[in-house]
Protein backbone atom coordinates (compact mmCIF):
# COMPACT_ATOMS: atom_id res chain seq x y z
CA UNK A 1 0.00 0.00 0.00
CA UNK A 2 1.49 3.33 -1.04
CA UNK A 3 1.66 6.35 1.24
CA UNK A 4 -0.99 8.09 -0.86
CA UNK A 5 -3.37 5.15 -0.42
CA UNK A 6 -2.68 5.14 3.33
CA UNK A 7 -3.43 8.86 3.61
CA UNK A 8 -6.59 8.42 1.54
CA UNK A 9 -7.71 5.62 3.89
CA UNK A 10 -6.92 7.73 6.97
CA UNK A 11 -8.93 10.65 5.58
CA UNK A 12 -11.80 8.27 4.81
CA UNK A 13 -11.73 6.89 8.36
CA UNK A 14 -11.61 10.39 9.85
CA UNK A 15 -14.51 11.55 7.68
CA UNK A 16 -16.71 8.61 8.59
CA UNK A 17 -15.83 9.06 12.26
CA UNK A 18 -17.00 12.67 12.01
CA UNK A 19 -20.24 11.52 10.39
CA UNK A 20 -20.71 8.97 13.19
CA UNK A 21 -20.19 11.73 15.76
CA UNK A 22 -22.77 13.92 14.02
CA UNK A 23 -25.27 11.03 13.98
CA UNK A 24 -24.59 10.39 17.66
CA UNK A 25 -25.26 14.04 18.50
CA UNK A 26 -28.52 13.94 16.52
CA UNK A 27 -29.53 10.75 18.35
CA UNK A 28 -28.68 12.37 21.70
CA UNK A 29 -30.86 15.38 20.87
CA UNK A 30 -33.75 13.18 19.76
CA UNK A 31 -33.40 10.77 22.68
CA UNK A 32 -33.13 13.56 25.24
CA UNK A 33 -35.23 16.48 24.08
CA UNK A 34 -37.55 14.48 21.82
CA UNK A 35 -38.55 12.06 24.57
CA UNK A 36 -38.70 14.74 27.30
CA UNK A 37 -42.29 15.55 26.39
CA UNK A 38 -43.47 12.05 27.30
CA UNK A 39 -44.70 11.53 30.83
CA UNK A 40 -43.17 8.05 31.23
CA UNK A 41 -41.14 7.02 34.26
CA UNK A 42 -38.73 4.09 34.55
CA UNK A 43 -37.42 3.33 38.05
CA UNK A 44 -38.75 6.72 39.24
CA UNK A 45 -36.76 8.56 36.56
CA UNK A 46 -38.14 10.16 33.38
CA UNK A 47 -37.71 8.14 30.21
CA UNK A 48 -35.48 10.80 28.66
CA UNK A 49 -32.82 10.14 31.32
CA UNK A 50 -32.52 6.54 30.17
CA UNK A 51 -32.71 7.21 26.45
CA UNK A 52 -30.25 10.10 26.51
CA UNK A 53 -27.68 8.28 28.63
CA UNK A 54 -27.86 4.53 28.09
CA UNK A 55 -29.45 4.88 24.66
CA UNK A 56 -26.64 7.12 23.45
CA UNK A 57 -24.07 4.74 24.94
CA UNK A 58 -25.54 1.78 23.04
CA UNK A 59 -25.81 3.87 19.87
CA UNK A 60 -22.12 4.78 20.17
CA UNK A 61 -21.19 1.11 20.53
CA UNK A 62 -23.28 0.28 17.46
CA UNK A 63 -21.64 3.04 15.41
CA UNK A 64 -18.15 1.90 16.44
CA UNK A 65 -19.01 -1.67 15.42
CA UNK A 66 -20.20 -0.43 12.01
CA UNK A 67 -17.08 1.69 11.53
CA UNK A 68 -14.71 -1.14 12.47
CA UNK A 69 -16.50 -3.62 10.21
CA UNK A 70 -17.03 -1.49 7.09
CA UNK A 71 -14.68 1.52 7.19
CA UNK A 72 -11.50 0.92 9.19
CA UNK A 73 -8.65 -1.15 7.74
CA UNK A 74 -5.68 -2.72 9.44
CA UNK A 75 -2.57 -1.38 7.70
CA UNK A 76 1.06 -0.75 8.44
CA UNK A 77 1.89 2.90 9.00
CA UNK A 78 5.59 2.52 8.20
CA UNK A 79 7.01 4.10 5.06
CA UNK A 80 7.48 1.79 2.10
CA UNK A 81 11.15 2.80 1.86
CA UNK A 82 11.76 1.59 5.43
CA UNK A 83 10.01 -1.71 4.66
CA UNK A 84 12.14 -2.26 1.52
CA UNK A 85 15.42 -1.51 3.29
CA UNK A 86 14.65 -3.62 6.40
PDB file of N, CA and C in Angstrom:
ATOM      1  N   UNK A   1       0.845  -1.169   0.000  1.00  0.00           N
ATOM      2  CA  UNK A   1       0.000   0.000   0.000  1.00  0.00           C
ATOM      3  C   UNK A   1       0.896   1.240   0.000  1.00  0.00           C
ATOM      4  N   UNK A   2       0.663   2.129  -0.947  1.00  0.00           N
ATOM      5  CA  UNK A   2       1.491   3.330  -1.041  1.00  0.00           C
ATOM      6  C   UNK A   2       1.086   4.334   0.036  1.00  0.00           C
ATOM      7  N   UNK A   3       1.961   5.316   0.249  1.00  0.00           N
ATOM      8  CA  UNK A   3       1.663   6.346   1.240  1.00  0.00           C
ATOM      9  C   UNK A   3       0.401   7.122   0.868  1.00  0.00           C
ATOM     10  N   UNK A   4       0.205   7.374  -0.416  1.00  0.00           N
ATOM     11  CA  UNK A   4      -0.993   8.092  -0.858  1.00  0.00           C
ATOM     12  C   UNK A   4      -2.255   7.294  -0.539  1.00  0.00           C
ATOM     13  N   UNK A   5      -2.225   5.996  -0.752  1.00  0.00           N
ATOM     14  CA  UNK A   5      -3.370   5.148  -0.418  1.00  0.00           C
ATOM     15  C   UNK A   5      -3.617   5.119   1.086  1.00  0.00           C
ATOM     16  N   UNK A   6      -2.535   5.123   1.861  1.00  0.00           N
ATOM     17  CA  UNK A   6      -2.683   5.143   3.326  1.00  0.00           C
ATOM     18  C   UNK A   6      -3.325   6.450   3.780  1.00  0.00           C
ATOM     19  N   UNK A   7      -2.865   7.570   3.234  1.00  0.00           N
ATOM     20  CA  UNK A   7      -3.435   8.860   3.607  1.00  0.00           C
ATOM     21  C   UNK A   7      -4.896   8.957   3.183  1.00  0.00           C
ATOM     22  N   UNK A   8      -5.211   8.429   2.015  1.00  0.00           N
ATOM     23  CA  UNK A   8      -6.593   8.424   1.544  1.00  0.00           C
ATOM     24  C   UNK A   8      -7.472   7.608   2.501  1.00  0.00           C
ATOM     25  N   UNK A   9      -6.963   6.455   2.942  1.00  0.00           N
ATOM     26  CA  UNK A   9      -7.711   5.622   3.887  1.00  0.00           C
ATOM     27  C   UNK A   9      -7.875   6.335   5.228  1.00  0.00           C
ATOM     28  N   UNK A  10      -6.823   7.007   5.693  1.00  0.00           N
ATOM     29  CA  UNK A  10      -6.919   7.732   6.966  1.00  0.00           C
ATOM     30  C   UNK A  10      -7.930   8.872   6.878  1.00  0.00           C
ATOM     31  N   UNK A  11      -7.948   9.584   5.756  1.00  0.00           N
ATOM     32  CA  UNK A  11      -8.933  10.654   5.577  1.00  0.00           C
ATOM     33  C   UNK A  11     -10.344  10.080   5.529  1.00  0.00           C
ATOM     34  N   UNK A  12     -10.500   8.929   4.884  1.00  0.00           N
ATOM     35  CA  UNK A  12     -11.804   8.265   4.814  1.00  0.00           C
ATOM     36  C   UNK A  12     -12.273   7.876   6.213  1.00  0.00           C
ATOM     37  N   UNK A  13     -11.382   7.286   7.003  1.00  0.00           N
ATOM     38  CA  UNK A  13     -11.729   6.889   8.364  1.00  0.00           C
ATOM     39  C   UNK A  13     -12.091   8.107   9.216  1.00  0.00           C
ATOM     40  N   UNK A  14     -11.330   9.181   9.080  1.00  0.00           N
ATOM     41  CA  UNK A  14     -11.615  10.395   9.850  1.00  0.00           C
ATOM     42  C   UNK A  14     -12.952  11.003   9.439  1.00  0.00           C
ATOM     43  N   UNK A  15     -13.238  11.010   8.162  1.00  0.00           N
ATOM     44  CA  UNK A  15     -14.508  11.551   7.678  1.00  0.00           C
ATOM     45  C   UNK A  15     -15.700  10.762   8.196  1.00  0.00           C
ATOM     46  N   UNK A  16     -15.612   9.445   8.102  1.00  0.00           N
ATOM     47  CA  UNK A  16     -16.715   8.614   8.592  1.00  0.00           C
ATOM     48  C   UNK A  16     -16.845   8.683  10.110  1.00  0.00           C
ATOM     49  N   UNK A  17     -15.750   8.873  10.810  1.00  0.00           N
ATOM     50  CA  UNK A  17     -15.826   9.056  12.261  1.00  0.00           C
ATOM     51  C   UNK A  17     -16.545  10.361  12.590  1.00  0.00           C
ATOM     52  N   UNK A  18     -16.289  11.407  11.824  1.00  0.00           N
ATOM     53  CA  UNK A  18     -17.003  12.669  12.009  1.00  0.00           C
ATOM     54  C   UNK A  18     -18.490  12.529  11.728  1.00  0.00           C
ATOM     55  N   UNK A  19     -18.835  11.775  10.693  1.00  0.00           N
ATOM     56  CA  UNK A  19     -20.244  11.521  10.386  1.00  0.00           C
ATOM     57  C   UNK A  19     -20.901  10.744  11.526  1.00  0.00           C
ATOM     58  N   UNK A  20     -20.183   9.747  12.064  1.00  0.00           N
ATOM     59  CA  UNK A  20     -20.713   8.968  13.192  1.00  0.00           C
ATOM     60  C   UNK A  20     -20.936   9.869  14.401  1.00  0.00           C
ATOM     61  N   UNK A  21     -20.024  10.788  14.657  1.00  0.00           N
ATOM     62  CA  UNK A  21     -20.186  11.729  15.763  1.00  0.00           C
ATOM     63  C   UNK A  21     -21.414  12.611  15.550  1.00  0.00           C
ATOM     64  N   UNK A  22     -21.607  13.098  14.337  1.00  0.00           N
ATOM     65  CA  UNK A  22     -22.770  13.920  14.015  1.00  0.00           C
ATOM     66  C   UNK A  22     -24.058  13.130  14.233  1.00  0.00           C
ATOM     67  N   UNK A  23     -24.094  11.874  13.777  1.00  0.00           N
ATOM     68  CA  UNK A  23     -25.266  11.026  13.982  1.00  0.00           C
ATOM     69  C   UNK A  23     -25.516  10.775  15.464  1.00  0.00           C
ATOM     70  N   UNK A  24     -24.451  10.607  16.222  1.00  0.00           N
ATOM     71  CA  UNK A  24     -24.591  10.385  17.661  1.00  0.00           C
ATOM     72  C   UNK A  24     -25.152  11.628  18.356  1.00  0.00           C
ATOM     73  N   UNK A  25     -24.733  12.802  17.934  1.00  0.00           N
ATOM     74  CA  UNK A  25     -25.265  14.043  18.504  1.00  0.00           C
ATOM     75  C   UNK A  25     -26.744  14.191  18.159  1.00  0.00           C
ATOM     76  N   UNK A  26     -27.111  13.880  16.907  1.00  0.00           N
ATOM     77  CA  UNK A  26     -28.524  13.937  16.521  1.00  0.00           C
ATOM     78  C   UNK A  26     -29.356  12.955  17.338  1.00  0.00           C
ATOM     79  N   UNK A  27     -28.820  11.751  17.540  1.00  0.00           N
ATOM     80  CA  UNK A  27     -29.526  10.751  18.348  1.00  0.00           C
ATOM     81  C   UNK A  27     -29.671  11.238  19.783  1.00  0.00           C
ATOM     82  N   UNK A  28     -28.633  11.845  20.329  1.00  0.00           N
ATOM     83  CA  UNK A  28     -28.680  12.368  21.697  1.00  0.00           C
ATOM     84  C   UNK A  28     -29.759  13.438  21.830  1.00  0.00           C
ATOM     85  N   UNK A  29     -29.829  14.335  20.843  1.00  0.00           N
ATOM     86  CA  UNK A  29     -30.856  15.376  20.869  1.00  0.00           C
ATOM     87  C   UNK A  29     -32.258  14.779  20.797  1.00  0.00           C
ATOM     88  N   UNK A  30     -32.439  13.813  19.899  1.00  0.00           N
ATOM     89  CA  UNK A  30     -33.754  13.183  19.761  1.00  0.00           C
ATOM     90  C   UNK A  30     -34.107  12.359  20.994  1.00  0.00           C
ATOM     91  N   UNK A  31     -33.139  11.630  21.531  1.00  0.00           N
ATOM     92  CA  UNK A  31     -33.401  10.770  22.683  1.00  0.00           C
ATOM     93  C   UNK A  31     -33.588  11.574  23.960  1.00  0.00           C
ATOM     94  N   UNK A  32     -32.993  12.737  24.043  1.00  0.00           N
ATOM     95  CA  UNK A  32     -33.130  13.561  25.237  1.00  0.00           C
ATOM     96  C   UNK A  32     -34.291  14.522  25.134  1.00  0.00           C
ATOM     97  N   UNK A  33     -34.207  15.454  24.209  1.00  0.00           N
ATOM     98  CA  UNK A  33     -35.231  16.482  24.082  1.00  0.00           C
ATOM     99  C   UNK A  33     -36.504  15.956  23.431  1.00  0.00           C
ATOM    100  N   UNK A  34     -36.366  15.026  22.497  1.00  0.00           N
ATOM    101  CA  UNK A  34     -37.549  14.482  21.823  1.00  0.00           C
ATOM    102  C   UNK A  34     -38.420  13.644  22.733  1.00  0.00           C
ATOM    103  N   UNK A  35     -37.806  12.941  23.663  1.00  0.00           N
ATOM    104  CA  UNK A  35     -38.548  12.063  24.568  1.00  0.00           C
ATOM    105  C   UNK A  35     -38.956  12.805  25.840  1.00  0.00           C
ATOM    106  N   UNK A  36     -38.420  13.989  26.068  1.00  0.00           N
ATOM    107  CA  UNK A  36     -38.696  14.735  27.302  1.00  0.00           C
ATOM    108  C   UNK A  36     -40.171  15.102  27.439  1.00  0.00           C
ATOM    109  N   UNK A  37     -40.887  15.170  26.342  1.00  0.00           N
ATOM    110  CA  UNK A  37     -42.293  15.548  26.388  1.00  0.00           C
ATOM    111  C   UNK A  37     -43.190  14.407  26.861  1.00  0.00           C
ATOM    112  N   UNK A  38     -42.683  13.188  26.848  1.00  0.00           N
ATOM    113  CA  UNK A  38     -43.472  12.050  27.298  1.00  0.00           C
ATOM    114  C   UNK A  38     -43.470  11.989  28.821  1.00  0.00           C
ATOM    115  N   UNK A  39     -44.602  11.639  29.371  1.00  0.00           N
ATOM    116  CA  UNK A  39     -44.699  11.527  30.829  1.00  0.00           C
ATOM    117  C   UNK A  39     -44.587  10.053  31.233  1.00  0.00           C
ATOM    118  N   UNK A  40     -43.433   9.462  30.926  1.00  0.00           N
ATOM    119  CA  UNK A  40     -43.170   8.054  31.228  1.00  0.00           C
ATOM    120  C   UNK A  40     -42.029   7.997  32.225  1.00  0.00           C
ATOM    121  N   UNK A  41     -42.187   7.170  33.245  1.00  0.00           N
ATOM    122  CA  UNK A  41     -41.138   7.024  34.264  1.00  0.00           C
ATOM    123  C   UNK A  41     -40.663   5.571  34.289  1.00  0.00           C
ATOM    124  N   UNK A  42     -39.348   5.403  34.412  1.00  0.00           N
ATOM    125  CA  UNK A  42     -38.730   4.093  34.553  1.00  0.00           C
ATOM    126  C   UNK A  42     -37.846   4.155  35.792  1.00  0.00           C
ATOM    127  N   UNK A  43     -38.139   3.326  36.771  1.00  0.00           N
ATOM    128  CA  UNK A  43     -37.415   3.328  38.049  1.00  0.00           C
ATOM    129  C   UNK A  43     -37.386   4.729  38.668  1.00  0.00           C
ATOM    130  N   UNK A  44     -38.543   5.386  38.652  1.00  0.00           N
ATOM    131  CA  UNK A  44     -38.749   6.716  39.240  1.00  0.00           C
ATOM    132  C   UNK A  44     -37.956   7.822  38.543  1.00  0.00           C
ATOM    133  N   UNK A  45     -37.462   7.546  37.347  1.00  0.00           N
ATOM    134  CA  UNK A  45     -36.764   8.563  36.559  1.00  0.00           C
ATOM    135  C   UNK A  45     -37.493   8.739  35.229  1.00  0.00           C
ATOM    136  N   UNK A  46     -37.504   9.954  34.689  1.00  0.00           N
ATOM    137  CA  UNK A  46     -38.141  10.160  33.383  1.00  0.00           C
ATOM    138  C   UNK A  46     -37.456   9.332  32.290  1.00  0.00           C
ATOM    139  N   UNK A  47     -38.236   8.977  31.290  1.00  0.00           N
ATOM    140  CA  UNK A  47     -37.711   8.143  30.205  1.00  0.00           C
ATOM    141  C   UNK A  47     -36.537   8.796  29.493  1.00  0.00           C
ATOM    142  N   UNK A  48     -36.556  10.126  29.381  1.00  0.00           N
ATOM    143  CA  UNK A  48     -35.484  10.802  28.657  1.00  0.00           C
ATOM    144  C   UNK A  48     -34.128  10.612  29.330  1.00  0.00           C
ATOM    145  N   UNK A  49     -34.092  10.390  30.632  1.00  0.00           N
ATOM    146  CA  UNK A  49     -32.824  10.138  31.322  1.00  0.00           C
ATOM    147  C   UNK A  49     -32.200   8.853  30.808  1.00  0.00           C
ATOM    148  N   UNK A  50     -33.020   7.837  30.639  1.00  0.00           N
ATOM    149  CA  UNK A  50     -32.522   6.543  30.169  1.00  0.00           C
ATOM    150  C   UNK A  50     -32.149   6.582  28.690  1.00  0.00           C
ATOM    151  N   UNK A  51     -32.995   7.199  27.880  1.00  0.00           N
ATOM    152  CA  UNK A  51     -32.710   7.214  26.447  1.00  0.00           C
ATOM    153  C   UNK A  51     -31.522   8.105  26.099  1.00  0.00           C
ATOM    154  N   UNK A  52     -31.347   9.196  26.850  1.00  0.00           N
ATOM    155  CA  UNK A  52     -30.248  10.105  26.514  1.00  0.00           C
ATOM    156  C   UNK A  52     -28.924   9.693  27.144  1.00  0.00           C
ATOM    157  N   UNK A  53     -28.947   8.751  28.063  1.00  0.00           N
ATOM    158  CA  UNK A  53     -27.676   8.285  28.633  1.00  0.00           C
ATOM    159  C   UNK A  53     -27.356   6.870  28.136  1.00  0.00           C
ATOM    160  N   UNK A  54     -28.136   5.901  28.530  1.00  0.00           N
ATOM    161  CA  UNK A  54     -27.863   4.528  28.091  1.00  0.00           C
ATOM    162  C   UNK A  54     -28.115   4.337  26.594  1.00  0.00           C
ATOM    163  N   UNK A  55     -29.148   4.992  26.087  1.00  0.00           N
ATOM    164  CA  UNK A  55     -29.449   4.882  24.661  1.00  0.00           C
ATOM    165  C   UNK A  55     -28.312   5.409  23.798  1.00  0.00           C
ATOM    166  N   UNK A  56     -27.756   6.535  24.190  1.00  0.00           N
ATOM    167  CA  UNK A  56     -26.636   7.119  23.452  1.00  0.00           C
ATOM    168  C   UNK A  56     -25.400   6.225  23.572  1.00  0.00           C
ATOM    169  N   UNK A  57     -25.208   5.649  24.738  1.00  0.00           N
ATOM    170  CA  UNK A  57     -24.072   4.745  24.937  1.00  0.00           C
ATOM    171  C   UNK A  57     -24.178   3.540  24.001  1.00  0.00           C
ATOM    172  N   UNK A  58     -25.355   2.926  23.938  1.00  0.00           N
ATOM    173  CA  UNK A  58     -25.545   1.784  23.041  1.00  0.00           C
ATOM    174  C   UNK A  58     -25.444   2.186  21.572  1.00  0.00           C
ATOM    175  N   UNK A  59     -25.928   3.376  21.241  1.00  0.00           N
ATOM    176  CA  UNK A  59     -25.806   3.870  19.867  1.00  0.00           C
ATOM    177  C   UNK A  59     -24.342   4.078  19.502  1.00  0.00           C
ATOM    178  N   UNK A  60     -23.546   4.587  20.426  1.00  0.00           N
ATOM    179  CA  UNK A  60     -22.119   4.783  20.169  1.00  0.00           C
ATOM    180  C   UNK A  60     -21.429   3.438  19.937  1.00  0.00           C
ATOM    181  N   UNK A  61     -21.770   2.442  20.726  1.00  0.00           N
ATOM    182  CA  UNK A  61     -21.190   1.105  20.534  1.00  0.00           C
ATOM    183  C   UNK A  61     -21.573   0.565  19.172  1.00  0.00           C
ATOM    184  N   UNK A  62     -22.827   0.740  18.779  1.00  0.00           N
ATOM    185  CA  UNK A  62     -23.284   0.282  17.463  1.00  0.00           C
ATOM    186  C   UNK A  62     -22.517   0.980  16.342  1.00  0.00           C
ATOM    187  N   UNK A  63     -22.349   2.291  16.450  1.00  0.00           N
ATOM    188  CA  UNK A  63     -21.636   3.038  15.409  1.00  0.00           C
ATOM    189  C   UNK A  63     -20.171   2.614  15.318  1.00  0.00           C
ATOM    190  N   UNK A  64     -19.539   2.361  16.447  1.00  0.00           N
ATOM    191  CA  UNK A  64     -18.148   1.905  16.437  1.00  0.00           C
ATOM    192  C   UNK A  64     -18.049   0.538  15.775  1.00  0.00           C
ATOM    193  N   UNK A  65     -19.005  -0.344  16.056  1.00  0.00           N
ATOM    194  CA  UNK A  65     -19.007  -1.669  15.419  1.00  0.00           C
ATOM    195  C   UNK A  65     -19.143  -1.539  13.899  1.00  0.00           C
ATOM    196  N   UNK A  66     -20.021  -0.642  13.456  1.00  0.00           N
ATOM    197  CA  UNK A  66     -20.205  -0.429  12.015  1.00  0.00           C
ATOM    198  C   UNK A  66     -18.929   0.124  11.402  1.00  0.00           C
ATOM    199  N   UNK A  67     -18.311   1.107  12.061  1.00  0.00           N
ATOM    200  CA  UNK A  67     -17.080   1.686  11.535  1.00  0.00           C
ATOM    201  C   UNK A  67     -15.963   0.642  11.447  1.00  0.00           C
ATOM    202  N   UNK A  68     -15.805  -0.162  12.486  1.00  0.00           N
ATOM    203  CA  UNK A  68     -14.714  -1.140  12.465  1.00  0.00           C
ATOM    204  C   UNK A  68     -14.960  -2.250  11.459  1.00  0.00           C
ATOM    205  N   UNK A  69     -16.211  -2.545  11.162  1.00  0.00           N
ATOM    206  CA  UNK A  69     -16.496  -3.618  10.205  1.00  0.00           C
ATOM    207  C   UNK A  69     -16.409  -3.145   8.751  1.00  0.00           C
ATOM    208  N   UNK A  70     -16.903  -1.935   8.481  1.00  0.00           N
ATOM    209  CA  UNK A  70     -17.031  -1.494   7.090  1.00  0.00           C
ATOM    210  C   UNK A  70     -16.068  -0.392   6.656  1.00  0.00           C
ATOM    211  N   UNK A  71     -15.475   0.347   7.587  1.00  0.00           N
ATOM    212  CA  UNK A  71     -14.676   1.516   7.195  1.00  0.00           C
ATOM    213  C   UNK A  71     -13.201   1.336   7.519  1.00  0.00           C
ATOM    214  N   UNK A  72     -12.892   0.988   8.757  1.00  0.00           N
ATOM    215  CA  UNK A  72     -11.497   0.920   9.188  1.00  0.00           C
ATOM    216  C   UNK A  72     -10.777  -0.271   8.564  1.00  0.00           C
ATOM    217  N   UNK A  73      -9.488  -0.079   8.281  1.00  0.00           N
ATOM    218  CA  UNK A  73      -8.652  -1.146   7.742  1.00  0.00           C
ATOM    219  C   UNK A  73      -7.390  -1.259   8.565  1.00  0.00           C
ATOM    220  N   UNK A  74      -6.931  -2.482   8.739  1.00  0.00           N
ATOM    221  CA  UNK A  74      -5.677  -2.720   9.439  1.00  0.00           C
ATOM    222  C   UNK A  74      -4.551  -2.572   8.425  1.00  0.00           C
ATOM    223  N   UNK A  75      -3.658  -1.612   8.654  1.00  0.00           N
ATOM    224  CA  UNK A  75      -2.572  -1.377   7.699  1.00  0.00           C
ATOM    225  C   UNK A  75      -1.330  -0.925   8.456  1.00  0.00           C
ATOM    226  N   UNK A  76      -0.202  -1.180   7.864  1.00  0.00           N
ATOM    227  CA  UNK A  76       1.062  -0.750   8.437  1.00  0.00           C
ATOM    228  C   UNK A  76       1.242   0.740   8.169  1.00  0.00           C
ATOM    229  N   UNK A  77       1.689   1.468   9.164  1.00  0.00           N
ATOM    230  CA  UNK A  77       1.891   2.902   9.001  1.00  0.00           C
ATOM    231  C   UNK A  77       3.348   3.259   8.715  1.00  0.00           C
ATOM    232  N   UNK A  78       4.203   2.258   8.538  1.00  0.00           N
ATOM    233  CA  UNK A  78       5.594   2.518   8.204  1.00  0.00           C
ATOM    234  C   UNK A  78       5.711   2.921   6.740  1.00  0.00           C
ATOM    235  N   UNK A  79       6.751   3.715   6.451  1.00  0.00           N
ATOM    236  CA  UNK A  79       7.010   4.102   5.062  1.00  0.00           C
ATOM    237  C   UNK A  79       7.428   2.894   4.268  1.00  0.00           C
ATOM    238  N   UNK A  80       7.108   2.903   2.963  1.00  0.00           N
ATOM    239  CA  UNK A  80       7.483   1.791   2.097  1.00  0.00           C
ATOM    240  C   UNK A  80       9.000   1.668   1.987  1.00  0.00           C
ATOM    241  N   UNK A  81       9.695   2.829   1.978  1.00  0.00           N
ATOM    242  CA  UNK A  81      11.151   2.796   1.857  1.00  0.00           C
ATOM    243  C   UNK A  81      11.774   2.054   3.045  1.00  0.00           C
ATOM    244  N   UNK A  82      11.230   2.261   4.226  1.00  0.00           N
ATOM    245  CA  UNK A  82      11.757   1.592   5.427  1.00  0.00           C
ATOM    246  C   UNK A  82      11.505   0.095   5.321  1.00  0.00           C
ATOM    247  N   UNK A  83      10.336  -0.299   4.809  1.00  0.00           N
ATOM    248  CA  UNK A  83      10.007  -1.709   4.660  1.00  0.00           C
ATOM    249  C   UNK A  83      10.933  -2.394   3.650  1.00  0.00           C
ATOM    250  N   UNK A  84      11.284  -1.679   2.545  1.00  0.00           N
ATOM    251  CA  UNK A  84      12.142  -2.262   1.517  1.00  0.00           C
ATOM    252  C   UNK A  84      13.568  -2.432   2.013  1.00  0.00           C
ATOM    253  N   UNK A  85      14.058  -1.441   2.792  1.00  0.00           N
ATOM    254  CA  UNK A  85      15.423  -1.508   3.293  1.00  0.00           C
ATOM    255  C   UNK A  85      15.582  -2.546   4.376  1.00  0.00           C
ATOM    256  N   UNK A  86      14.548  -2.736   5.232  1.00  0.00           N
ATOM    257  CA  UNK A  86      14.652  -3.616   6.397  1.00  0.00           C
ATOM    258  C   UNK A  86      14.454  -5.004   6.015  1.00  0.00           C
TER     259      UNK A  86
END
